[in-house]
Protein backbone atom coordinates (compact mmCIF):
# COMPACT_ATOMS: atom_id res chain seq x y z
CA MET A 1 93.86 20.12 -93.64
CA HIS A 2 93.24 18.05 -90.48
CA THR A 3 92.13 15.10 -92.63
CA VAL A 4 95.16 15.31 -94.93
CA ALA A 5 97.57 15.58 -92.00
CA ALA A 6 95.99 12.60 -90.20
CA ARG A 7 95.98 10.47 -93.33
CA ALA A 8 99.63 11.33 -94.08
CA GLY A 9 100.67 10.74 -90.48
CA VAL A 10 102.23 14.18 -90.08
CA SER A 11 101.46 17.28 -88.03
CA ILE A 12 98.98 19.87 -89.26
CA ALA A 13 101.85 22.37 -89.48
CA SER A 14 103.85 20.02 -91.71
CA ALA A 15 100.86 19.40 -93.97
CA SER A 16 100.22 23.13 -94.19
CA ARG A 17 103.80 23.87 -95.19
CA VAL A 18 103.69 21.29 -97.99
CA LEU A 19 100.31 22.35 -99.33
CA ASN A 20 101.26 26.02 -99.25
CA GLY A 21 104.46 25.37 -101.21
CA VAL A 22 106.80 26.20 -98.33
CA GLY A 23 108.39 22.75 -98.45
CA GLY A 24 109.41 19.87 -96.24
CA SER A 25 111.43 16.69 -96.42
CA PRO A 26 110.98 14.64 -99.61
CA GLU A 27 109.21 11.91 -97.65
CA THR A 28 106.84 14.36 -95.96
CA ILE A 29 106.05 16.04 -99.28
CA ARG A 30 105.29 12.65 -100.86
CA LYS A 31 103.01 11.54 -98.01
CA VAL A 32 101.09 14.82 -97.86
CA ARG A 33 100.58 15.05 -101.62
CA GLU A 34 99.39 11.46 -101.80
CA ALA A 35 96.98 12.03 -98.92
CA ALA A 36 95.69 15.25 -100.49
CA ALA A 37 95.10 13.46 -103.81
CA GLU A 38 93.27 10.61 -102.08
CA VAL A 39 90.79 12.87 -100.30
CA GLY A 40 90.49 15.36 -103.18
CA TYR A 41 91.87 18.28 -101.17
CA VAL A 42 92.01 21.58 -103.11
CA PRO A 43 93.39 24.69 -101.34
CA ASN A 44 91.06 27.69 -101.16
CA ALA A 45 93.07 30.24 -103.11
CA ILE A 46 91.03 33.22 -101.90
CA ALA A 47 91.34 32.27 -98.25
CA ARG A 48 95.04 31.56 -98.69
CA SER A 49 95.70 34.95 -100.32
CA LEU A 50 93.77 36.79 -97.58
CA GLN A 51 95.86 35.13 -94.90
CA SER A 52 99.26 35.29 -96.60
CA GLN A 53 98.80 38.53 -98.61
CA ARG A 54 100.05 36.52 -101.58
CA THR A 55 98.10 35.47 -104.66
CA GLY A 56 100.55 32.89 -106.04
CA LEU A 57 100.37 34.72 -109.41
CA VAL A 58 102.94 36.71 -111.38
CA ALA A 59 102.08 38.76 -114.50
CA LEU A 60 104.04 39.32 -117.70
CA ALA A 61 103.08 42.20 -120.02
CA VAL A 62 104.56 42.30 -123.54
CA GLU A 63 103.65 43.96 -126.83
CA ASP A 64 102.77 40.84 -128.82
CA ILE A 65 102.56 37.31 -127.41
CA GLY A 66 102.85 35.94 -130.96
CA ASN A 67 106.31 37.46 -131.48
CA PRO A 68 108.89 34.63 -131.16
CA VAL A 69 111.19 36.79 -129.04
CA TYR A 70 108.47 37.16 -126.40
CA VAL A 71 107.62 33.46 -126.61
CA GLU A 72 111.21 32.57 -125.73
CA MET A 73 111.22 35.14 -122.94
CA MET A 74 107.90 33.87 -121.58
CA ARG A 75 109.10 30.26 -121.47
CA ALA A 76 112.16 31.23 -119.45
CA ILE A 77 110.09 33.35 -117.05
CA GLU A 78 107.50 30.64 -116.58
CA ALA A 79 110.16 28.06 -115.69
CA VAL A 80 111.53 30.27 -112.90
CA VAL A 81 108.08 31.31 -111.67
CA ALA A 82 106.85 27.70 -111.60
CA SER A 83 109.84 26.65 -109.52
CA SER A 84 108.59 29.01 -106.81
CA GLY A 85 105.14 27.42 -106.84
CA ARG A 86 103.54 30.38 -108.64
CA GLN A 87 101.68 30.67 -111.92
CA LEU A 88 102.24 33.12 -114.76
CA LEU A 89 99.58 35.36 -116.28
CA VAL A 90 100.42 36.87 -119.68
CA HIS A 91 99.04 40.16 -121.05
CA ALA A 92 99.40 41.39 -124.65
CA THR A 93 99.44 45.21 -124.68
CA GLY A 94 99.75 45.82 -128.42
CA GLY A 95 102.52 48.26 -127.54
CA ARG A 96 99.86 50.79 -126.50
CA ILE A 97 100.97 53.13 -123.76
CA ASP A 98 97.46 53.40 -122.29
CA ASN A 99 97.18 49.61 -122.02
CA GLU A 100 100.53 49.28 -120.28
CA THR A 101 99.97 52.11 -117.81
CA ALA A 102 96.45 50.84 -117.04
CA LEU A 103 97.88 47.41 -116.23
CA LEU A 104 100.48 48.97 -113.96
CA ARG A 105 97.86 51.02 -112.12
CA ARG A 106 95.71 47.94 -111.67
CA LEU A 107 98.53 46.50 -109.58
CA ALA A 108 97.04 48.58 -106.75
CA ASN A 109 94.36 45.87 -106.61
CA ARG A 110 97.11 43.36 -105.77
CA TYR A 111 95.73 40.75 -108.16
CA VAL A 112 99.28 39.44 -108.61
CA ASP A 113 102.37 39.25 -106.40
CA GLY A 114 104.47 41.06 -109.00
CA MET A 115 104.82 41.92 -112.68
CA ILE A 116 107.45 41.78 -115.40
CA VAL A 117 106.82 44.30 -118.17
CA SER A 118 108.67 44.84 -121.45
CA PRO A 119 107.51 48.17 -122.93
CA ILE A 120 108.79 49.27 -126.35
CA ARG A 121 108.02 52.89 -125.45
CA VAL A 122 108.78 54.39 -122.03
CA THR A 123 106.94 57.58 -121.07
CA ASP A 124 106.67 59.69 -117.92
CA ASP A 125 103.34 57.93 -117.28
CA HIS A 126 105.17 54.59 -117.31
CA LEU A 127 107.77 55.81 -114.86
CA THR A 128 105.16 57.25 -112.49
CA ALA A 129 103.11 54.05 -112.53
CA LEU A 130 106.23 51.92 -112.05
CA THR A 131 107.47 54.00 -109.14
CA ASP A 132 104.05 54.10 -107.45
CA SER A 133 103.32 50.39 -107.84
CA PRO A 134 102.41 48.72 -104.50
CA VAL A 135 103.76 45.37 -105.74
CA PRO A 136 107.19 44.60 -107.21
CA VAL A 137 107.78 45.30 -110.91
CA VAL A 138 110.77 44.40 -113.07
CA VAL A 139 111.28 46.03 -116.48
CA VAL A 140 112.87 44.16 -119.38
CA GLY A 141 114.25 46.95 -121.54
CA GLN A 142 116.02 50.28 -121.28
CA LEU A 143 115.30 52.66 -118.40
CA GLY A 144 117.04 55.83 -117.30
CA ALA A 145 120.01 55.42 -114.98
CA ASP A 146 118.13 57.12 -112.14
CA ALA A 147 114.95 55.00 -112.40
CA PRO A 148 114.50 53.18 -109.05
CA ILE A 149 113.18 50.05 -110.77
CA ASP A 150 114.74 46.60 -111.14
CA ASN A 151 115.75 46.37 -114.78
CA VAL A 152 117.20 43.80 -117.20
CA ARG A 153 118.45 45.19 -120.49
CA THR A 154 120.55 44.44 -123.51
CA ASP A 155 122.58 46.70 -125.80
CA SER A 156 120.81 46.54 -129.16
CA ARG A 157 122.85 49.51 -130.41
CA HIS A 158 125.98 47.37 -130.03
CA GLY A 159 124.07 44.44 -131.53
CA VAL A 160 123.51 46.37 -134.77
CA ALA A 161 127.20 47.29 -134.77
CA LEU A 162 128.11 43.58 -134.62
CA ALA A 163 125.96 42.97 -137.70
CA VAL A 164 127.50 45.86 -139.64
CA ASP A 165 131.05 44.83 -138.63
CA HIS A 166 130.39 41.32 -139.93
CA LEU A 167 128.99 42.55 -143.24
CA VAL A 168 131.88 44.95 -143.79
CA ALA A 169 134.33 42.14 -143.03
CA THR A 170 132.74 40.08 -145.83
CA GLY A 171 133.24 42.93 -148.31
CA ARG A 172 129.79 44.52 -148.28
CA ARG A 173 129.59 48.30 -148.64
CA ARG A 174 126.05 49.20 -149.77
CA ILE A 175 124.48 48.15 -146.50
CA GLY A 176 120.79 48.90 -146.01
CA PHE A 177 118.77 48.97 -142.80
CA VAL A 178 115.12 48.03 -142.30
CA ASN A 179 113.95 49.27 -138.91
CA GLY A 180 110.85 49.45 -136.74
CA PRO A 181 109.26 52.70 -135.51
CA LEU A 182 111.77 55.34 -134.43
CA ASP A 183 109.56 56.46 -131.53
CA THR A 184 110.20 53.14 -129.78
CA VAL A 185 113.17 52.42 -127.51
CA PRO A 186 114.52 49.57 -129.69
CA GLY A 187 113.87 51.43 -132.94
CA ALA A 188 115.76 54.52 -131.80
CA ALA A 189 118.67 52.52 -130.34
CA ARG A 190 119.10 50.37 -133.44
CA ASP A 191 118.95 53.37 -135.76
CA ALA A 192 121.66 55.10 -133.74
CA GLY A 193 123.75 51.94 -133.71
CA PHE A 194 123.51 51.53 -137.49
CA ARG A 195 124.52 55.12 -138.21
CA ALA A 196 127.43 55.01 -135.76
CA ALA A 197 128.71 51.71 -137.18
CA LEU A 198 128.74 53.02 -140.75
CA ASP A 199 130.57 56.14 -139.62
CA ARG A 200 133.16 54.07 -137.76
CA HIS A 201 133.89 52.14 -140.96
CA GLY A 202 134.05 55.30 -143.06
CA ILE A 203 131.00 54.34 -145.12
CA PRO A 204 128.89 57.37 -146.11
CA LEU A 205 125.30 57.25 -144.88
CA ASP A 206 122.81 56.88 -147.73
CA ASP A 207 119.25 57.61 -146.64
CA GLU A 208 118.01 55.74 -149.72
CA LEU A 209 119.25 52.56 -148.04
CA ILE A 210 117.25 53.11 -144.82
CA GLU A 211 113.58 52.19 -144.50
CA VAL A 212 111.27 52.29 -141.48
CA GLY A 213 108.18 50.17 -140.94
CA ASP A 214 107.03 48.12 -137.97
CA PHE A 215 108.42 45.14 -136.06
CA GLN A 216 106.20 42.68 -137.98
CA TYR A 217 106.59 40.38 -140.98
CA ALA A 218 104.21 42.18 -143.35
CA ALA A 219 105.63 45.60 -142.50
CA GLY A 220 109.18 44.29 -142.95
CA ARG A 221 108.38 42.86 -146.35
CA ALA A 222 106.64 46.05 -147.50
CA ALA A 223 109.51 48.22 -146.22
CA THR A 224 112.05 46.08 -148.06
CA GLU A 225 110.04 46.33 -151.27
CA ARG A 226 110.07 50.13 -150.95
CA LEU A 227 113.82 50.13 -150.39
CA LEU A 228 114.51 47.83 -153.36
CA ALA A 229 112.39 50.04 -155.62
CA ARG A 230 114.83 52.91 -155.23
CA ALA A 231 118.20 51.41 -154.17
CA ASP A 232 120.50 48.48 -154.86
CA PRO A 233 121.93 47.22 -151.54
CA ASP A 234 124.44 44.39 -151.29
CA ALA A 235 123.44 43.72 -147.69
CA LEU A 236 120.53 44.37 -145.32
CA VAL A 237 120.42 44.60 -141.56
CA CYS A 238 116.93 44.11 -140.14
CA ALA A 239 115.81 45.31 -136.71
CA ASN A 240 114.33 41.93 -135.78
CA ASP A 241 113.82 38.46 -137.22
CA LEU A 242 110.19 39.06 -138.24
CA ILE A 243 111.35 41.97 -140.40
CA ALA A 244 114.22 39.82 -141.72
CA VAL A 245 111.85 37.05 -142.82
CA GLY A 246 109.74 39.64 -144.64
CA ALA A 247 112.90 41.05 -146.21
CA LEU A 248 114.01 37.59 -147.32
CA HIS A 249 110.73 36.99 -149.10
CA ALA A 250 110.82 40.44 -150.73
CA LEU A 251 114.36 39.83 -151.96
CA LEU A 252 113.52 36.42 -153.43
CA VAL A 253 110.40 37.75 -155.18
CA ALA A 254 112.55 40.56 -156.64
CA GLY A 255 115.00 37.99 -158.00
CA ARG A 256 117.78 38.85 -155.56
CA ARG A 257 119.82 35.87 -154.36
CA VAL A 258 120.64 35.56 -150.67
CA PRO A 259 123.52 35.81 -149.90
CA GLN A 260 125.06 36.02 -153.40
CA ASP A 261 123.37 39.31 -154.30
CA VAL A 262 122.27 40.58 -150.89
CA ALA A 263 123.52 39.38 -147.52
CA LEU A 264 120.91 39.45 -144.77
CA VAL A 265 121.16 39.74 -140.98
CA GLY A 266 118.28 39.88 -138.50
CA MET A 267 118.09 40.51 -134.77
CA ASP A 268 116.82 38.45 -131.79
CA ASP A 269 118.04 35.06 -133.10
CA THR A 270 114.63 33.43 -132.65
CA GLU A 271 113.47 30.06 -133.96
CA LEU A 272 112.44 31.83 -137.17
CA ALA A 273 116.09 32.44 -138.06
CA ARG A 274 116.80 28.72 -137.94
CA MET A 275 113.61 27.75 -139.79
CA MET A 276 114.24 29.84 -142.93
CA PHE A 277 116.13 28.77 -146.04
CA PRO A 278 118.75 29.95 -146.19
CA GLN A 279 119.00 30.07 -142.42
CA LEU A 280 119.27 33.65 -141.22
CA SER A 281 122.25 35.19 -139.53
CA SER A 282 120.93 37.05 -136.50
CA VAL A 283 122.09 39.01 -133.48
CA SER A 284 120.99 37.26 -130.31
CA LEU A 285 119.82 39.71 -127.65
CA GLY A 286 119.44 36.92 -125.09
CA SER A 287 115.66 37.00 -124.80
CA ALA A 288 115.51 33.81 -122.74
CA GLU A 289 118.36 34.92 -120.50
CA ARG A 290 116.77 38.34 -119.98
CA GLY A 291 113.51 36.63 -119.05
CA ARG A 292 115.23 34.29 -116.62
CA ARG A 293 117.09 37.09 -114.90
CA ALA A 294 113.98 39.27 -114.72
CA ALA A 295 112.02 36.46 -113.06
CA GLU A 296 114.80 35.86 -110.55
CA LEU A 297 114.98 39.57 -109.70
CA LEU A 298 111.20 39.68 -109.26
CA LEU A 299 111.12 36.70 -106.88
CA GLN A 300 113.95 38.23 -104.86
CA ARG A 301 112.07 41.54 -104.71
CA ILE A 302 108.87 39.77 -103.60
CA ALA A 303 110.84 38.10 -100.81
CA ASP A 304 112.63 41.31 -99.74
CA ALA A 305 111.10 44.65 -100.72
CA ALA A 306 113.99 46.52 -99.06
CA LEU A 307 116.56 45.44 -101.65
CA PRO A 308 118.20 48.32 -103.56
CA PRO A 309 117.25 48.68 -107.27
CA ARG A 310 119.21 46.25 -109.43
CA ARG A 311 120.24 46.64 -113.08
CA GLU A 312 121.52 43.72 -115.13
CA GLN A 313 122.71 43.65 -118.74
CA VAL A 314 122.78 40.73 -121.19
CA PRO A 315 125.31 41.32 -123.99
CA PRO A 316 124.36 40.80 -127.66
CA ASN A 317 125.94 38.01 -129.66
CA LEU A 318 126.10 37.58 -133.44
CA VAL A 319 125.23 34.14 -134.83
CA VAL A 320 126.43 33.81 -138.44
CA ARG A 321 124.48 31.52 -140.75
CA ALA A 322 124.08 31.02 -144.49
CA SER A 323 122.19 34.26 -145.24
CA SER A 324 125.32 36.36 -144.77
CA ALA A 325 128.05 33.95 -145.76
CA ALA A 326 131.16 35.57 -147.20
CA THR A 327 129.93 35.45 -150.80
CA LEU A 328 130.28 38.69 -152.72
CA PRO A 329 127.82 39.44 -155.55
CA THR A 330 128.67 37.51 -158.74
CA PRO A 331 127.40 38.04 -162.29
CA ARG A 332 124.38 35.94 -163.16
CA PRO A 333 125.00 33.35 -165.89
CA ALA A 334 123.50 34.13 -169.30
CA ALA A 335 120.28 32.37 -170.23
CA GLY A 336 120.98 28.81 -171.34
CA SER A 337 124.48 28.88 -169.88
CA ALA A 338 125.51 26.33 -167.31
CA GLY A 339 127.33 29.08 -165.50
CA PRO A 340 130.23 28.71 -163.09
CA PRO A 341 130.06 26.05 -160.40
CA THR A 342 128.43 27.28 -157.21
CA THR A 343 129.15 26.49 -153.59
CA HIS A 344 126.53 26.29 -150.90
CA PRO A 345 127.47 27.70 -147.52
CA SER A 346 126.59 25.62 -144.51
CA SER A 347 123.33 26.38 -142.75
CA GLU A 348 124.95 25.66 -139.42
CA GLY A 349 125.31 28.68 -137.16
CA VAL A 350 128.71 29.97 -136.12
CA THR A 351 128.76 32.14 -133.04
CA ALA A 352 130.84 35.28 -133.37
């Protein structure tokens, strides 16, 4: 530190502030960083954490780091965390309660300055570990109103309602639903939202048009195949985009045209929705925005542990694309017939 300060022509205190990420004038920061690079100075992270009681690390725990919704969330979190001079560690829990609670209890070792966790199931063990954590934790997802934990959520029940409203407005009535596990927070909320939306439109609930699998592509495809084997929907709502991609493939293999025979709407509005053909309509749940807000809440909590618990909500938003264009089922042309002229809806998204 003495060498860097002397070489940069600044005080030791100024050099320390720059190298510890506290800041300084642009000119001081430039001089100190150049001097540090010239002499090969590398801060001792262990010594720094012992002195400051900070590790410079923040953790993110999600079910599946391969899921596009978590990738978008992670990118937003990392951008905010990096702006504070910290680094992000990412844990994949597999959605297992024991993995998530073990991670939370390990926070007692203070290996990170704070954690953002997005559990798909919330148990009493979760709540106990969250409340007892010695370092700040922010939850992305639904928590009880009395939970004293910083929380960023969306309203996926309303998100499903937006999808159903859109499909009804385009003339669909035999609307099916392919969901993830009902013992998860999103699965239960989306199931309730689907049933309430049908009831509001006066459409009788048909259990033959509801299928449950997992929040993954293969499970979504298999669930859609089971549904098509027993029912004839004119539209499908899927609980996330991975399921929707699986459903799209199952529909095409079964000879169902999208959207002419079956309109299709996913949830999360990830890159997958824009990469498919036809492009998928999807309900955005603001994964990047939820991640950004969670990271900001966490940094504020790290800076001031006395802040009252905060709860923020990101509203859902339907993005309409070609997979649910307003095209009602039409008879297929007879073999050898040229058939009526067809129109091709735009693949461009329209926000509703």
